[in-house]
Amino acid sequence: MSKFETLINELSWVPLPFLSDLEWAVAKAMVNNPSLQDSLPTVGHVLSDLIITQHRLDRDKVVRLANDGITDGGLCFQRNGKKYIWDGHHRYFAAQQIGKPTCQMKTFDMFDQNTLDGQDKEGMSVQDFASQLRCRVSTLLRAMDSSDRRVYEEKEVSKFQDILEGGPGSGPQPDGGSSSSGLNRNKAADDAGLKSMEKRQKAKAKAAQDRKEVKDTKDHMASHGAASKKDQEKM
């Protein structure tokens, strides 16, 4: 077996998830919208220190990158003292193919958590990501897949309200400040997104109430009709 085939066979191993569902959604958005990574530092990593997280590979692409000497780029997440490749697996294997010991990657230093130990932890919030990426929460939400964003909106709208009101979920501001002026800037930036979420939430609640009222009316009419029929049978 060639050295290259040995490297490819490493991809049969996929590590345990190291991201929460929300973190996974934001990580996808960061890859699909590379401008979100602009504020992240580019760090040189020793290949042997990196953990792969992808189990599919285009062999031709690896060979092409190796021949062209393209090995830098991609996105690395650091958590719990470990370094995970999130984007850039082909360049990683291209570097190994040509014997290069390191590669340069955009690097995101995540909060430590215990998902690797099988414990259910929330991990980073959208506000945490926005702060470290130095972007608005609304910008991050727009970059997420619509299905992921909808789940977040349904679960986190109350926390969003805390941020706009300067409550316990406000945390550090995306521009690095924590003053009332920074809060006001965030409030102005995210107010439209919040109103849109609240509008959808109210519409869903009203639709549910309407369905309940219709059901209650039908049940009442059915019950009244059955009682009338019973009275007629007695006469």
Protein backbone atom coordinates (compact mmCIF):
# COMPACT_ATOMS: atom_id res chain seq x y z
CA MET A 1 0.00 0.00 0.00
CA SER A 2 1.38 3.42 -1.00
CA LYS A 3 1.91 6.27 1.43
CA PHE A 4 -0.92 8.16 -0.26
CA GLU A 5 -3.35 5.23 0.12
CA THR A 6 -2.37 4.98 3.79
CA LEU A 7 -3.22 8.64 4.28
CA ILE A 8 -6.58 8.26 2.56
CA ASN A 9 -7.45 5.27 4.73
CA GLU A 10 -7.12 7.49 7.81
CA LEU A 11 -10.38 9.07 6.74
CA SER A 12 -12.30 5.95 7.77
CA TRP A 13 -12.02 7.24 11.32
CA VAL A 14 -14.40 10.02 12.31
CA PRO A 15 -14.06 11.54 15.81
CA LEU A 16 -16.89 12.02 18.25
CA PRO A 17 -18.85 15.26 17.76
CA PHE A 18 -17.12 18.21 19.38
CA LEU A 19 -19.78 20.79 18.51
CA SER A 20 -23.30 21.36 19.80
CA ASP A 21 -26.11 21.55 17.22
CA LEU A 22 -26.04 25.33 17.26
CA GLU A 23 -22.24 25.45 16.97
CA TRP A 24 -22.45 23.05 14.03
CA ALA A 25 -24.94 25.37 12.30
CA VAL A 26 -22.72 28.43 12.82
CA ALA A 27 -19.62 26.50 11.69
CA LYS A 28 -21.37 25.68 8.40
CA ALA A 29 -22.25 29.34 7.99
CA MET A 30 -18.61 30.33 8.54
CA VAL A 31 -17.50 28.06 5.69
CA ASN A 32 -20.30 29.09 3.33
CA ASN A 33 -19.60 32.76 4.07
CA PRO A 34 -15.79 33.09 4.32
CA SER A 35 -16.01 36.82 5.08
CA LEU A 36 -17.14 35.83 8.59
CA GLN A 37 -13.60 34.52 9.13
CA ASP A 38 -11.89 37.81 8.28
CA SER A 39 -11.17 38.71 11.91
CA LEU A 40 -9.72 35.29 12.80
CA PRO A 41 -5.95 34.87 13.06
CA THR A 42 -4.10 32.69 10.55
CA VAL A 43 -2.03 30.17 12.50
CA GLY A 44 0.58 27.64 11.42
CA HIS A 45 -0.32 24.15 12.68
CA VAL A 46 1.80 21.01 12.80
CA LEU A 47 -0.09 18.43 10.74
CA SER A 48 0.32 15.74 13.37
CA ASP A 49 -1.51 17.97 15.88
CA LEU A 50 -4.64 18.26 13.74
CA ILE A 51 -7.69 16.00 14.01
CA ILE A 52 -9.73 15.33 10.88
CA THR A 53 -13.52 15.56 10.95
CA GLN A 54 -14.43 14.65 7.36
CA HIS A 55 -14.73 11.12 6.00
CA ARG A 56 -15.05 11.80 2.26
CA LEU A 57 -12.25 12.87 -0.01
CA ASP A 58 -11.72 13.65 -3.71
CA ARG A 59 -8.43 11.92 -4.53
CA ASP A 60 -7.97 13.87 -7.75
CA LYS A 61 -8.37 17.15 -5.88
CA VAL A 62 -5.72 16.14 -3.34
CA VAL A 63 -3.29 15.23 -6.14
CA ARG A 64 -4.00 18.49 -7.97
CA LEU A 65 -3.45 20.58 -4.84
CA ALA A 66 -0.28 18.69 -4.00
CA ASN A 67 1.10 19.19 -7.52
CA ASP A 68 0.32 22.92 -7.30
CA GLY A 69 1.74 23.21 -3.79
CA ILE A 70 -1.54 24.53 -2.40
CA THR A 71 -1.62 23.43 1.22
CA ASP A 72 -2.56 26.54 3.24
CA GLY A 73 -6.07 27.77 4.02
CA GLY A 74 -9.13 26.31 5.67
CA LEU A 75 -10.61 26.59 9.14
CA CYS A 76 -9.47 25.02 12.40
CA PHE A 77 -11.41 24.91 15.68
CA GLN A 78 -9.49 24.65 18.96
CA ARG A 79 -11.35 23.17 21.92
CA ASN A 80 -10.40 21.29 25.07
CA GLY A 81 -6.73 21.47 24.08
CA LYS A 82 -7.37 19.78 20.71
CA LYS A 83 -7.30 21.13 17.16
CA TYR A 84 -9.99 20.04 14.71
CA ILE A 85 -9.99 20.66 10.97
CA TRP A 86 -13.41 21.93 9.99
CA ASP A 87 -12.57 23.10 6.46
CA GLY A 88 -9.42 22.31 4.47
CA HIS A 89 -9.08 18.50 4.58
CA HIS A 90 -7.93 18.27 0.95
CA ARG A 91 -5.17 20.83 1.59
CA TYR A 92 -4.21 18.98 4.77
CA PHE A 93 -3.73 15.72 2.85
CA ALA A 94 -1.99 17.56 0.02
CA ALA A 95 0.53 18.86 2.59
CA GLN A 96 1.08 15.31 3.85
CA GLN A 97 1.46 14.05 0.30
CA ILE A 98 4.36 16.42 -0.45
CA GLY A 99 5.93 15.98 2.99
CA LYS A 100 5.17 19.44 4.32
CA PRO A 101 5.09 19.38 8.16
CA THR A 102 2.77 22.37 8.72
CA CYS A 103 -0.10 24.29 7.15
CA GLN A 104 -1.60 27.73 7.72
CA MET A 105 -5.28 27.88 8.70
CA LYS A 106 -7.77 30.40 10.02
CA THR A 107 -8.15 29.40 13.67
CA PHE A 108 -11.13 29.82 15.97
CA ASP A 109 -10.46 29.32 19.69
CA MET A 110 -13.69 27.93 21.15
CA PHE A 111 -14.82 27.80 24.75
CA ASP A 112 -13.96 24.49 26.39
CA GLN A 113 -16.90 22.17 26.97
CA ASN A 114 -17.52 18.49 27.64
CA THR A 115 -19.34 17.14 24.60
CA LEU A 116 -16.37 14.86 23.97
CA ASP A 117 -17.15 13.18 27.29
CA GLY A 118 -20.72 12.48 26.19
CA GLN A 119 -22.22 15.20 28.39
CA ASP A 120 -24.95 17.42 26.98
CA LYS A 121 -23.56 20.96 27.06
CA GLU A 122 -24.91 24.01 25.27
CA GLY A 123 -21.48 25.25 24.22
CA MET A 124 -21.15 28.67 22.58
CA SER A 125 -24.14 30.87 21.85
CA VAL A 126 -24.73 32.90 18.70
CA GLN A 127 -23.83 35.96 20.77
CA ASP A 128 -20.49 34.35 21.73
CA PHE A 129 -19.72 33.67 18.07
CA ALA A 130 -20.69 37.19 17.02
CA SER A 131 -18.42 38.67 19.69
CA GLN A 132 -15.38 36.65 18.62
CA LEU A 133 -16.06 37.09 14.90
CA ARG A 134 -16.65 40.82 15.45
CA CYS A 135 -19.91 40.84 13.54
CA ARG A 136 -23.54 41.57 14.36
CA VAL A 137 -25.80 38.78 15.55
CA SER A 138 -28.18 39.56 12.71
CA THR A 139 -25.33 39.13 10.19
CA LEU A 140 -24.54 35.70 11.61
CA LEU A 141 -28.19 34.64 11.59
CA ARG A 142 -28.60 35.66 7.96
CA ALA A 143 -25.56 33.54 7.06
CA MET A 144 -27.05 30.41 8.66
CA ASP A 145 -29.17 27.91 6.73
CA SER A 146 -32.85 28.83 6.93
CA SER A 147 -33.74 25.62 8.76
CA ASP A 148 -30.95 26.13 11.32
CA ARG A 149 -31.93 29.76 11.80
CA ARG A 150 -35.57 28.85 12.33
CA VAL A 151 -34.69 26.36 15.08
CA TYR A 152 -32.51 28.97 16.77
CA GLU A 153 -35.20 31.64 16.53
CA GLU A 154 -37.77 29.35 18.12
CA LYS A 155 -35.52 28.40 21.03
CA GLU A 156 -33.54 31.56 21.64
CA VAL A 157 -35.88 34.51 20.97
CA SER A 158 -36.11 35.26 24.71
CA LYS A 159 -32.29 35.47 24.96
CA PHE A 160 -32.30 37.76 21.96
CA GLN A 161 -34.65 40.05 23.86
CA ASP A 162 -32.21 40.05 26.79
CA ILE A 163 -29.43 41.29 24.52
CA LEU A 164 -31.45 44.17 23.12
CA GLU A 165 -32.57 45.20 26.59
CA GLY A 166 -29.08 44.89 28.09
CA GLY A 167 -30.14 41.95 30.24
CA PRO A 168 -28.12 38.95 31.49
CA GLY A 169 -27.53 37.60 27.99
CA SER A 170 -26.03 40.80 26.61
CA GLY A 171 -22.36 39.88 27.13
CA PRO A 172 -19.48 41.62 25.33
CA GLN A 173 -20.31 43.60 22.22
CA PRO A 174 -19.23 42.37 18.77
CA ASP A 175 -17.15 45.51 18.30
CA GLY A 176 -15.19 44.66 21.45
CA GLY A 177 -16.88 47.26 23.67
CA SER A 178 -19.24 46.85 26.58
CA SER A 179 -20.49 50.42 27.01
CA SER A 180 -24.08 51.58 26.69
CA SER A 181 -23.20 53.13 23.33
CA GLY A 182 -22.05 49.72 22.09
CA LEU A 183 -25.28 48.19 23.33
CA ASN A 184 -27.28 50.87 21.52
CA ARG A 185 -25.42 50.15 18.31
CA ASN A 186 -26.19 46.44 18.63
CA LYS A 187 -29.79 47.19 19.47
CA ALA A 188 -30.23 49.31 16.38
CA ALA A 189 -28.51 46.68 14.22
CA ASP A 190 -30.50 43.70 15.48
CA ASP A 191 -33.87 45.31 16.19
CA ALA A 192 -35.28 44.51 12.75
CA GLY A 193 -34.28 40.85 13.09
CA LEU A 194 -35.86 40.60 16.51
CA LYS A 195 -39.11 42.19 15.35
CA SER A 196 -39.26 39.73 12.47
CA MET A 197 -38.76 36.79 14.84
CA GLU A 198 -41.36 38.10 17.28
CA LYS A 199 -43.83 38.62 14.45
CA ARG A 200 -43.42 35.01 13.33
CA GLN A 201 -43.74 33.79 16.90
CA LYS A 202 -46.98 35.77 17.40
CA ALA A 203 -48.35 34.54 14.07
CA LYS A 204 -47.65 30.95 15.06
CA ALA A 205 -49.26 31.44 18.47
CA LYS A 206 -52.35 33.06 16.90
CA ALA A 207 -52.66 30.26 14.35
CA ALA A 208 -52.47 27.69 17.13
CA GLN A 209 -55.14 29.58 19.13
CA ASP A 210 -57.39 29.79 16.06
CA ARG A 211 -57.06 26.06 15.48
CA LYS A 212 -57.93 25.40 19.12
CA GLU A 213 -61.01 27.64 18.95
CA VAL A 214 -62.21 25.93 15.77
CA LYS A 215 -61.71 22.52 17.35
CA ASP A 216 -63.51 23.59 20.53
CA THR A 217 -66.42 24.92 18.48
CA LYS A 218 -66.69 21.71 16.47
CA ASP A 219 -66.53 19.63 19.62
CA HIS A 220 -69.23 21.75 21.25
CA MET A 221 -71.48 21.52 18.21
CA ALA A 222 -70.99 17.78 17.96
CA SER A 223 -71.76 17.36 21.66
CA HIS A 224 -74.86 19.57 21.41
CA GLY A 225 -76.07 17.69 18.33
CA ALA A 226 -75.68 14.34 20.05
CA ALA A 227 -77.61 15.59 23.08
CA SER A 228 -80.46 16.91 20.93
CA LYS A 229 -80.72 13.65 19.04
CA LYS A 230 -80.89 11.77 22.34
CA ASP A 231 -83.71 14.05 23.58
CA GLN A 232 -85.67 13.49 20.38
CA GLU A 233 -85.36 9.72 20.76
CA LYS A 234 -86.86 9.94 24.27
CA MET A 235 -89.95 11.82 23.06
